[in-house]
N, C-alpha and C. Protein backbone atom coordinates (compact mmCIF):
# COMPACT_ATOMS: atom_id res chain seq x y z
N MET A 1 148.53 140.69 59.14
CA MET A 1 147.52 140.11 59.98
C MET A 1 147.38 138.63 59.78
N SER A 2 146.89 137.91 60.96
CA SER A 2 146.68 136.51 60.97
C SER A 2 145.65 136.09 60.09
N LYS A 3 145.63 134.99 59.73
CA LYS A 3 144.59 134.24 58.85
C LYS A 3 143.53 133.87 59.79
N ILE A 4 142.24 134.49 59.58
CA ILE A 4 141.05 134.21 60.45
C ILE A 4 140.41 132.85 59.97
N PRO A 5 140.25 132.00 60.85
CA PRO A 5 139.69 130.75 60.44
C PRO A 5 138.29 130.90 60.00
N ASP A 6 137.86 130.12 59.06
CA ASP A 6 136.51 130.06 58.40
C ASP A 6 135.37 130.00 59.52
N ASP A 7 135.58 129.05 60.62
CA ASP A 7 134.54 128.68 61.43
C ASP A 7 134.37 129.86 62.29
N ILE A 8 135.12 130.76 62.50
CA ILE A 8 134.90 132.07 63.35
C ILE A 8 133.83 132.96 62.66
N GLY A 9 133.83 133.22 61.35
CA GLY A 9 132.74 133.88 60.84
C GLY A 9 133.04 135.41 60.55
N SER A 10 133.76 136.05 61.47
CA SER A 10 133.97 137.40 61.14
C SER A 10 135.27 137.93 61.99
N LYS A 11 135.91 138.97 61.23
CA LYS A 11 137.21 139.49 61.82
C LYS A 11 136.85 140.08 63.05
N TYR A 12 135.62 140.67 63.37
CA TYR A 12 135.58 141.27 64.75
C TYR A 12 135.20 140.30 65.79
N ARG A 13 134.86 139.06 65.42
CA ARG A 13 134.76 137.89 66.47
C ARG A 13 136.08 137.49 66.88
N PHE A 14 136.91 137.35 65.79
CA PHE A 14 138.36 136.96 65.88
C PHE A 14 139.06 137.80 66.90
N ILE A 15 139.01 139.23 66.59
CA ILE A 15 139.51 140.19 67.51
C ILE A 15 139.03 140.13 68.92
N ILE A 16 137.81 139.99 69.05
CA ILE A 16 137.24 139.88 70.51
C ILE A 16 137.83 138.49 71.23
N LEU A 17 137.76 137.34 70.45
CA LEU A 17 138.42 136.19 71.04
C LEU A 17 139.88 136.31 71.43
N ALA A 18 140.63 136.95 70.50
CA ALA A 18 142.03 137.10 70.81
C ALA A 18 142.28 138.13 71.92
N ALA A 19 141.36 139.14 71.99
CA ALA A 19 141.51 140.01 73.13
C ALA A 19 141.43 139.45 74.51
N GLU A 20 140.18 138.59 74.57
CA GLU A 20 139.99 138.01 75.82
C GLU A 20 141.06 136.89 76.14
N ARG A 21 141.63 136.22 75.04
CA ARG A 21 142.49 135.13 75.45
C ARG A 21 143.78 135.90 75.78
N ALA A 22 144.16 137.11 75.29
CA ALA A 22 145.40 137.86 75.69
C ALA A 22 145.32 138.27 76.98
N LYS A 23 144.03 138.61 77.43
CA LYS A 23 143.69 139.13 78.98
C LYS A 23 144.19 137.89 79.85
N GLN A 24 143.63 136.74 79.57
CA GLN A 24 144.02 135.54 80.29
C GLN A 24 145.46 135.30 80.37
N LEU A 25 146.07 135.42 79.14
CA LEU A 25 147.61 135.29 79.12
C LEU A 25 148.31 136.29 79.96
N GLN A 26 147.83 137.48 80.00
CA GLN A 26 148.41 138.67 80.75
C GLN A 26 148.09 138.26 82.29
N ASN A 27 147.11 137.61 82.74
CA ASN A 27 146.92 137.10 83.98
C ASN A 27 147.50 135.96 84.47
N ASN A 28 148.60 135.47 83.73
CA ASN A 28 149.41 134.29 84.05
C ASN A 28 148.90 132.98 83.70
N ALA A 29 147.86 133.16 82.63
CA ALA A 29 147.36 131.67 82.02
C ALA A 29 148.75 131.17 81.13
N ARG A 30 148.64 129.83 81.15
CA ARG A 30 149.76 129.17 80.36
C ARG A 30 149.37 129.07 78.82
N PRO A 31 150.34 129.67 78.13
CA PRO A 31 150.14 129.42 76.58
C PRO A 31 149.93 128.03 76.18
N LYS A 32 149.25 127.77 75.25
CA LYS A 32 148.65 126.46 74.73
C LYS A 32 149.69 126.09 73.58
N ILE A 33 150.67 126.92 73.11
CA ILE A 33 151.61 126.64 72.12
C ILE A 33 153.09 127.04 72.72
N LYS A 34 153.97 126.45 72.03
CA LYS A 34 155.47 126.96 72.22
C LYS A 34 155.77 127.93 71.06
N THR A 35 156.18 129.00 71.58
CA THR A 35 156.61 130.09 70.58
C THR A 35 157.57 131.06 71.20
N LYS A 36 158.33 131.67 70.33
CA LYS A 36 159.49 132.68 70.86
C LYS A 36 158.84 133.88 71.15
N SER A 37 157.55 134.28 70.70
CA SER A 37 156.92 135.43 71.05
C SER A 37 156.48 135.54 72.42
N THR A 38 156.69 136.72 73.23
CA THR A 38 156.30 137.04 74.50
C THR A 38 154.98 137.82 74.44
N LYS A 39 154.73 138.28 73.25
CA LYS A 39 153.32 139.20 73.21
C LYS A 39 152.06 138.36 73.35
N PRO A 40 151.22 138.75 74.30
CA PRO A 40 150.01 137.97 74.58
C PRO A 40 149.20 137.91 73.39
N ALA A 41 148.84 139.09 72.77
CA ALA A 41 148.08 139.29 71.74
C ALA A 41 148.51 138.29 70.43
N HIS A 42 149.74 138.37 70.17
CA HIS A 42 150.35 137.45 69.25
C HIS A 42 150.14 135.90 69.52
N ILE A 43 150.21 135.60 70.64
CA ILE A 43 150.20 134.20 71.20
C ILE A 43 148.67 133.77 71.15
N ALA A 44 147.88 134.72 71.36
CA ALA A 44 146.41 134.42 71.42
C ALA A 44 146.03 134.19 69.98
N MET A 45 146.44 135.11 69.08
CA MET A 45 146.01 134.80 67.75
C MET A 45 146.48 133.39 67.01
N GLN A 46 147.71 133.15 67.51
CA GLN A 46 148.12 131.81 66.96
C GLN A 46 147.44 130.67 67.71
N GLU A 47 147.03 130.71 68.81
CA GLU A 47 146.25 129.66 69.50
C GLU A 47 144.83 129.50 68.80
N ILE A 48 144.17 130.62 68.52
CA ILE A 48 143.00 130.65 67.88
C ILE A 48 143.25 129.99 66.30
N GLU A 49 144.19 130.39 65.74
CA GLU A 49 144.43 129.99 64.30
C GLU A 49 144.45 128.50 64.35
N GLN A 50 145.15 127.81 65.40
CA GLN A 50 145.51 126.51 65.40
C GLN A 50 144.28 125.74 66.10
N LYS A 51 143.10 126.49 66.35
CA LYS A 51 141.96 125.80 67.01
C LYS A 51 142.20 125.33 68.35
N LEU A 52 143.12 125.99 69.22
CA LEU A 52 143.24 125.45 70.58
C LEU A 52 142.34 126.12 71.53
N ILE A 53 141.74 127.22 71.05
CA ILE A 53 140.83 127.80 72.14
C ILE A 53 139.29 127.50 71.76
N SER A 54 138.60 127.06 72.66
CA SER A 54 137.21 126.84 72.40
C SER A 54 136.19 127.98 72.90
N TYR A 55 135.13 128.20 72.08
CA TYR A 55 134.36 129.37 72.41
C TYR A 55 132.91 128.97 72.05
N GLU A 56 131.94 129.75 72.48
CA GLU A 56 130.49 129.42 72.22
C GLU A 56 129.87 130.69 71.90
N ILE A 57 129.14 130.74 70.64
CA ILE A 57 128.40 131.60 70.05
C ILE A 57 126.98 131.71 70.80
N LEU A 58 126.72 132.62 71.43
CA LEU A 58 125.26 132.69 72.16
C LEU A 58 124.28 133.44 71.24
N PRO A 59 123.11 133.04 71.37
CA PRO A 59 122.05 133.52 70.54
C PRO A 59 121.76 135.10 71.13
N LEU A 60 121.27 135.91 70.23
CA LEU A 60 120.88 137.17 70.61
C LEU A 60 119.68 137.14 71.52
N PRO A 61 119.71 137.89 72.50
CA PRO A 61 118.52 137.95 73.38
C PRO A 61 117.23 138.60 72.66
N GLU A 62 116.14 138.05 72.99
CA GLU A 62 115.00 138.71 72.44
C GLU A 62 114.66 140.05 73.02
N PRO A 63 114.07 140.90 71.94
CA PRO A 63 113.97 142.44 72.46
C PRO A 63 112.70 142.20 73.50
N ALA A 64 112.91 143.18 74.49
CA ALA A 64 111.87 143.22 75.48
C ALA A 64 110.62 143.83 74.96
N ALA A 65 109.48 143.33 75.35
CA ALA A 65 108.17 143.79 75.00
C ALA A 65 107.74 145.05 75.79
N ARG A 66 107.18 146.15 75.15
CA ARG A 66 106.78 147.35 75.79
C ARG A 66 105.43 147.26 76.31
């Protein structure tokens, strides 16, 4: 498995980010790295490891009052 960058915080967030980026690559987005790999998931994980993908962590919504 890839090395999860410390700033991401959890392996679950890493997987979600990689999956979203892999979808973009499958929909013909250009890779931000040069690699021999043609697998979108592998490319996405490498891009995240190299901090080439930006993301925003949104706060949790407040629970609705009853």
